[in-house]
Amino acid sequence: MTDNGFFTDTAWLDDFLANPDHDWGPGNPPLGGFNYGAALLWGSFLYERGGVELMTAITAEPTDGWARVDAVLAAVGDPSNAWGLYLEMIVATHLDDPELGYGFTSFDARVRGGRP
């Protein structure tokens, strides 16, 4: 959705950014605890990092949670880990300008050739 230019869920993202302190996504939230804004942010970040190849691999990976992302990163030759990428996403989100519509094109905050 984001890659195709249909970033229509700003309210969900704003909701998460205003109150990010809840268990979501890879954290295995309780029923009803999932935050779509968090998932939108994480998915958009991962897509920009690895494109279709990474997202396809994540979808096909049979494990769940952080282990899923770790397994996929290893499979595609990315030396990062899921937790490190999550922290990178949080820093990039904090530094991003909401006036730009959360355009994450400047997300690349990692050290080249190293782990975050």
N, C-alpha and C. Protein backbone atom coordinates (compact mmCIF):
# COMPACT_ATOMS: atom_id res chain seq x y z
N MET A 1 0.83 -1.18 0.00
CA MET A 1 0.00 0.00 0.00
C MET A 1 0.89 1.25 0.00
N THR A 2 1.82 1.31 0.92
CA THR A 2 2.70 2.48 1.01
C THR A 2 3.53 2.65 -0.25
N ASP A 3 4.08 1.54 -0.74
CA ASP A 3 4.92 1.59 -1.93
C ASP A 3 4.16 2.06 -3.16
N ASN A 4 2.88 1.79 -3.19
CA ASN A 4 2.05 2.20 -4.33
C ASN A 4 1.49 3.61 -4.17
N GLY A 5 1.89 4.31 -3.15
CA GLY A 5 1.47 5.69 -2.98
C GLY A 5 0.14 5.89 -2.31
N PHE A 6 -0.40 4.84 -1.69
CA PHE A 6 -1.69 4.94 -1.02
C PHE A 6 -1.51 4.97 0.49
N PHE A 7 -0.81 5.97 0.97
CA PHE A 7 -0.60 6.10 2.40
C PHE A 7 -1.80 6.82 2.98
N THR A 8 -2.84 6.04 3.29
CA THR A 8 -4.11 6.63 3.69
C THR A 8 -4.41 6.44 5.17
N ASP A 9 -3.52 5.79 5.89
CA ASP A 9 -3.81 5.45 7.28
C ASP A 9 -3.03 6.28 8.28
N THR A 10 -2.94 7.56 8.01
CA THR A 10 -2.20 8.47 8.87
C THR A 10 -2.78 8.49 10.29
N ALA A 11 -4.08 8.37 10.43
CA ALA A 11 -4.69 8.39 11.77
C ALA A 11 -4.20 7.22 12.61
N TRP A 12 -4.09 6.04 12.00
CA TRP A 12 -3.57 4.87 12.73
C TRP A 12 -2.13 5.09 13.14
N LEU A 13 -1.32 5.61 12.24
CA LEU A 13 0.08 5.85 12.54
C LEU A 13 0.21 6.91 13.63
N ASP A 14 -0.55 7.99 13.53
CA ASP A 14 -0.52 9.03 14.55
C ASP A 14 -0.93 8.48 15.92
N ASP A 15 -1.92 7.57 15.93
CA ASP A 15 -2.37 6.94 17.17
C ASP A 15 -1.22 6.16 17.81
N PHE A 16 -0.52 5.39 17.02
CA PHE A 16 0.61 4.62 17.56
C PHE A 16 1.73 5.54 18.03
N LEU A 17 2.05 6.55 17.25
CA LEU A 17 3.15 7.44 17.61
C LEU A 17 2.83 8.25 18.87
N ALA A 18 1.55 8.53 19.09
CA ALA A 18 1.15 9.26 20.29
C ALA A 18 1.19 8.38 21.54
N ASN A 19 1.05 7.07 21.35
CA ASN A 19 1.04 6.13 22.47
C ASN A 19 1.72 4.82 22.03
N PRO A 20 3.05 4.84 21.87
CA PRO A 20 3.74 3.66 21.35
C PRO A 20 4.01 2.58 22.38
N ASP A 21 3.63 2.80 23.62
CA ASP A 21 3.97 1.85 24.68
C ASP A 21 2.93 0.75 24.83
N HIS A 22 2.82 -0.09 23.81
CA HIS A 22 2.01 -1.29 23.95
C HIS A 22 2.61 -2.42 23.13
N ASP A 23 2.31 -3.63 23.54
CA ASP A 23 2.82 -4.83 22.89
C ASP A 23 2.13 -5.00 21.55
N TRP A 24 2.87 -5.06 20.48
CA TRP A 24 2.28 -5.14 19.14
C TRP A 24 3.11 -6.05 18.26
N GLY A 25 2.55 -6.37 17.14
CA GLY A 25 3.26 -7.07 16.07
C GLY A 25 4.11 -8.21 16.54
N PRO A 26 5.44 -8.11 16.32
CA PRO A 26 6.31 -9.22 16.68
C PRO A 26 6.31 -9.55 18.17
N GLY A 27 5.82 -8.64 18.99
CA GLY A 27 5.78 -8.86 20.43
C GLY A 27 4.67 -9.79 20.88
N ASN A 28 3.90 -10.36 19.95
CA ASN A 28 2.81 -11.28 20.26
C ASN A 28 1.77 -10.65 21.18
N PRO A 29 1.07 -9.64 20.67
CA PRO A 29 0.10 -8.93 21.51
C PRO A 29 -1.10 -9.81 21.85
N PRO A 30 -1.78 -9.48 22.95
CA PRO A 30 -3.00 -10.21 23.28
C PRO A 30 -4.09 -9.89 22.25
N LEU A 31 -5.11 -10.71 22.21
CA LEU A 31 -6.22 -10.50 21.29
C LEU A 31 -6.76 -9.08 21.47
N GLY A 32 -6.86 -8.34 20.40
CA GLY A 32 -7.34 -6.97 20.46
C GLY A 32 -6.25 -5.96 20.76
N GLY A 33 -5.02 -6.42 20.99
CA GLY A 33 -3.93 -5.52 21.32
C GLY A 33 -3.08 -5.10 20.15
N PHE A 34 -3.40 -5.61 18.98
CA PHE A 34 -2.63 -5.30 17.78
C PHE A 34 -2.87 -3.84 17.37
N ASN A 35 -1.82 -3.13 17.04
CA ASN A 35 -1.96 -1.74 16.60
C ASN A 35 -1.63 -1.64 15.13
N TYR A 36 -2.59 -1.31 14.29
CA TYR A 36 -2.38 -1.25 12.85
C TYR A 36 -1.35 -0.19 12.48
N GLY A 37 -1.31 0.91 13.19
CA GLY A 37 -0.33 1.95 12.90
C GLY A 37 1.09 1.44 13.09
N ALA A 38 1.32 0.66 14.13
CA ALA A 38 2.63 0.08 14.37
C ALA A 38 2.99 -0.88 13.25
N ALA A 39 2.05 -1.71 12.85
CA ALA A 39 2.30 -2.66 11.77
C ALA A 39 2.56 -1.95 10.45
N LEU A 40 1.84 -0.87 10.21
CA LEU A 40 2.04 -0.09 8.99
C LEU A 40 3.45 0.50 8.98
N LEU A 41 3.87 1.03 10.10
CA LEU A 41 5.20 1.61 10.21
C LEU A 41 6.28 0.55 10.00
N TRP A 42 6.16 -0.58 10.69
CA TRP A 42 7.14 -1.67 10.62
C TRP A 42 7.18 -2.26 9.21
N GLY A 43 6.02 -2.51 8.63
CA GLY A 43 5.97 -3.08 7.28
C GLY A 43 6.55 -2.14 6.24
N SER A 44 6.24 -0.86 6.35
CA SER A 44 6.78 0.13 5.41
C SER A 44 8.30 0.20 5.54
N PHE A 45 8.78 0.17 6.77
CA PHE A 45 10.21 0.21 7.00
C PHE A 45 10.91 -1.01 6.40
N LEU A 46 10.36 -2.19 6.67
CA LEU A 46 10.96 -3.41 6.14
C LEU A 46 10.91 -3.45 4.62
N TYR A 47 9.82 -2.97 4.04
CA TYR A 47 9.73 -2.94 2.58
C TYR A 47 10.79 -2.02 1.99
N GLU A 48 10.96 -0.86 2.58
CA GLU A 48 11.98 0.05 2.05
C GLU A 48 13.38 -0.52 2.22
N ARG A 49 13.57 -1.31 3.24
CA ARG A 49 14.89 -1.90 3.48
C ARG A 49 15.20 -3.00 2.48
N GLY A 50 14.23 -3.89 2.21
CA GLY A 50 14.53 -5.07 1.40
C GLY A 50 13.62 -5.32 0.23
N GLY A 51 12.64 -4.44 0.02
CA GLY A 51 11.76 -4.57 -1.14
C GLY A 51 10.96 -5.86 -1.16
N VAL A 52 10.58 -6.23 -2.37
CA VAL A 52 9.74 -7.41 -2.58
C VAL A 52 10.43 -8.67 -2.08
N GLU A 53 11.74 -8.78 -2.30
CA GLU A 53 12.46 -9.99 -1.89
C GLU A 53 12.32 -10.23 -0.38
N LEU A 54 12.54 -9.20 0.41
CA LEU A 54 12.45 -9.36 1.85
C LEU A 54 11.01 -9.63 2.29
N MET A 55 10.05 -8.90 1.75
CA MET A 55 8.66 -9.09 2.16
C MET A 55 8.12 -10.46 1.76
N THR A 56 8.52 -10.94 0.59
CA THR A 56 8.12 -12.28 0.15
C THR A 56 8.70 -13.33 1.08
N ALA A 57 9.96 -13.17 1.44
CA ALA A 57 10.61 -14.12 2.34
C ALA A 57 9.96 -14.10 3.73
N ILE A 58 9.60 -12.93 4.22
CA ILE A 58 8.93 -12.84 5.53
C ILE A 58 7.59 -13.55 5.48
N THR A 59 6.86 -13.38 4.40
CA THR A 59 5.55 -14.02 4.27
C THR A 59 5.67 -15.54 4.22
N ALA A 60 6.73 -16.03 3.59
CA ALA A 60 6.90 -17.48 3.42
C ALA A 60 7.52 -18.16 4.65
N GLU A 61 8.17 -17.41 5.50
CA GLU A 61 8.87 -17.99 6.67
C GLU A 61 7.86 -18.57 7.66
N PRO A 62 8.02 -19.85 8.06
CA PRO A 62 7.03 -20.48 8.93
C PRO A 62 7.09 -20.08 10.41
N THR A 63 8.20 -19.50 10.87
CA THR A 63 8.26 -19.11 12.28
C THR A 63 7.51 -17.80 12.48
N ASP A 64 7.35 -17.40 13.72
CA ASP A 64 6.61 -16.18 14.04
C ASP A 64 7.49 -15.22 14.82
N GLY A 65 7.00 -14.00 14.94
CA GLY A 65 7.62 -13.00 15.79
C GLY A 65 9.00 -12.57 15.32
N TRP A 66 9.82 -12.20 16.30
CA TRP A 66 11.16 -11.71 16.00
C TRP A 66 12.00 -12.79 15.32
N ALA A 67 11.78 -14.05 15.70
CA ALA A 67 12.54 -15.16 15.10
C ALA A 67 12.29 -15.22 13.59
N ARG A 68 11.09 -14.91 13.17
CA ARG A 68 10.78 -14.90 11.74
C ARG A 68 11.64 -13.89 11.01
N VAL A 69 11.69 -12.68 11.50
CA VAL A 69 12.46 -11.63 10.84
C VAL A 69 13.96 -11.97 10.90
N ASP A 70 14.43 -12.49 12.03
CA ASP A 70 15.83 -12.88 12.13
C ASP A 70 16.18 -13.96 11.10
N ALA A 71 15.31 -14.96 10.96
CA ALA A 71 15.57 -16.05 10.00
C ALA A 71 15.61 -15.52 8.57
N VAL A 72 14.70 -14.63 8.25
CA VAL A 72 14.63 -14.09 6.89
C VAL A 72 15.84 -13.20 6.60
N LEU A 73 16.22 -12.37 7.55
CA LEU A 73 17.40 -11.53 7.34
C LEU A 73 18.63 -12.38 7.06
N ALA A 74 18.78 -13.46 7.82
CA ALA A 74 19.92 -14.36 7.60
C ALA A 74 19.82 -15.01 6.22
N ALA A 75 18.61 -15.40 5.83
CA ALA A 75 18.42 -16.07 4.53
C ALA A 75 18.72 -15.16 3.34
N VAL A 76 18.46 -13.86 3.48
CA VAL A 76 18.72 -12.95 2.36
C VAL A 76 20.10 -12.30 2.47
N GLY A 77 20.89 -12.73 3.47
CA GLY A 77 22.26 -12.23 3.60
C GLY A 77 22.39 -10.88 4.26
N ASP A 78 21.37 -10.46 5.01
CA ASP A 78 21.44 -9.19 5.73
C ASP A 78 22.02 -9.47 7.11
N PRO A 79 23.11 -8.81 7.49
CA PRO A 79 23.75 -9.10 8.77
C PRO A 79 23.02 -8.53 10.00
N SER A 80 21.94 -7.81 9.79
CA SER A 80 21.19 -7.21 10.90
C SER A 80 20.34 -8.25 11.60
N ASN A 81 19.76 -7.85 12.73
CA ASN A 81 18.77 -8.69 13.39
C ASN A 81 17.49 -7.88 13.56
N ALA A 82 16.40 -8.56 13.88
CA ALA A 82 15.09 -7.91 13.95
C ALA A 82 15.07 -6.80 15.00
N TRP A 83 15.62 -7.05 16.17
CA TRP A 83 15.59 -6.05 17.22
C TRP A 83 16.38 -4.82 16.82
N GLY A 84 17.53 -5.01 16.20
CA GLY A 84 18.34 -3.89 15.73
C GLY A 84 17.61 -3.08 14.69
N LEU A 85 16.91 -3.75 13.78
CA LEU A 85 16.13 -3.03 12.77
C LEU A 85 14.98 -2.27 13.40
N TYR A 86 14.36 -2.87 14.40
CA TYR A 86 13.27 -2.19 15.09
C TYR A 86 13.78 -0.89 15.74
N LEU A 87 14.92 -0.98 16.40
CA LEU A 87 15.49 0.21 17.03
C LEU A 87 15.86 1.26 15.98
N GLU A 88 16.39 0.80 14.86
CA GLU A 88 16.71 1.72 13.75
C GLU A 88 15.44 2.41 13.26
N MET A 89 14.36 1.65 13.14
CA MET A 89 13.10 2.22 12.69
C MET A 89 12.61 3.29 13.66
N ILE A 90 12.72 3.02 14.97
CA ILE A 90 12.25 3.97 15.97
C ILE A 90 13.05 5.27 15.89
N VAL A 91 14.36 5.17 15.76
CA VAL A 91 15.19 6.37 15.66
C VAL A 91 14.85 7.13 14.38
N ALA A 92 14.73 6.41 13.26
CA ALA A 92 14.41 7.07 12.00
C ALA A 92 13.03 7.73 12.05
N THR A 93 12.08 7.09 12.71
CA THR A 93 10.74 7.67 12.84
C THR A 93 10.80 8.94 13.68
N HIS A 94 11.55 8.89 14.74
CA HIS A 94 11.68 10.07 15.60
C HIS A 94 12.32 11.23 14.84
N LEU A 95 13.29 10.93 13.99
CA LEU A 95 14.00 11.97 13.27
C LEU A 95 13.28 12.42 12.00
N ASP A 96 12.30 11.61 11.54
CA ASP A 96 11.59 11.94 10.32
C ASP A 96 10.65 13.13 10.55
N ASP A 97 10.35 13.82 9.49
CA ASP A 97 9.50 15.01 9.56
C ASP A 97 8.06 14.64 9.20
N PRO A 98 7.13 14.66 10.17
CA PRO A 98 5.74 14.32 9.87
C PRO A 98 5.12 15.18 8.78
N GLU A 99 5.65 16.39 8.59
CA GLU A 99 5.14 17.27 7.54
C GLU A 99 5.34 16.66 6.15
N LEU A 100 6.25 15.72 6.05
CA LEU A 100 6.51 15.07 4.76
C LEU A 100 5.61 13.85 4.55
N GLY A 101 4.69 13.60 5.45
CA GLY A 101 3.79 12.46 5.30
C GLY A 101 4.48 11.15 5.64
N TYR A 102 5.42 11.19 6.56
CA TYR A 102 6.16 10.01 6.96
C TYR A 102 6.80 9.33 5.75
N GLY A 103 7.43 10.09 4.91
CA GLY A 103 8.14 9.55 3.76
C GLY A 103 9.46 8.98 4.21
N PHE A 104 9.54 7.69 4.35
CA PHE A 104 10.68 7.05 4.96
C PHE A 104 11.84 6.83 4.00
N THR A 105 11.98 7.66 3.00
CA THR A 105 13.05 7.47 2.05
C THR A 105 14.42 7.76 2.65
N SER A 106 14.49 8.39 3.80
CA SER A 106 15.77 8.68 4.43
C SER A 106 16.02 7.77 5.63
N PHE A 107 15.48 6.56 5.62
CA PHE A 107 15.58 5.66 6.75
C PHE A 107 16.96 5.06 6.97
N ASP A 108 17.83 5.10 6.00
CA ASP A 108 19.08 4.36 6.08
C ASP A 108 20.01 4.96 7.12
N ALA A 109 19.80 4.59 8.39
CA ALA A 109 20.60 5.13 9.48
C ALA A 109 21.63 4.12 9.97
N ARG A 110 21.70 2.95 9.35
CA ARG A 110 22.61 1.91 9.83
C ARG A 110 24.06 2.19 9.36
N VAL A 111 24.97 1.57 10.04
CA VAL A 111 26.38 1.67 9.68
C VAL A 111 26.62 0.73 8.52
N ARG A 112 27.19 1.21 7.46
CA ARG A 112 27.45 0.37 6.29
C ARG A 112 28.37 -0.77 6.65
N GLY A 113 27.96 -1.97 6.27
CA GLY A 113 28.77 -3.16 6.48
C GLY A 113 28.78 -3.68 7.89
N GLY A 114 28.02 -3.07 8.77
CA GLY A 114 28.01 -3.50 10.16
C GLY A 114 26.62 -3.71 10.68
N ARG A 115 26.54 -4.11 11.90
CA ARG A 115 25.24 -4.32 12.54
C ARG A 115 24.79 -3.01 13.17
N PRO A 116 23.46 -2.79 13.22
CA PRO A 116 22.97 -1.57 13.86
C PRO A 116 23.31 -1.57 15.34
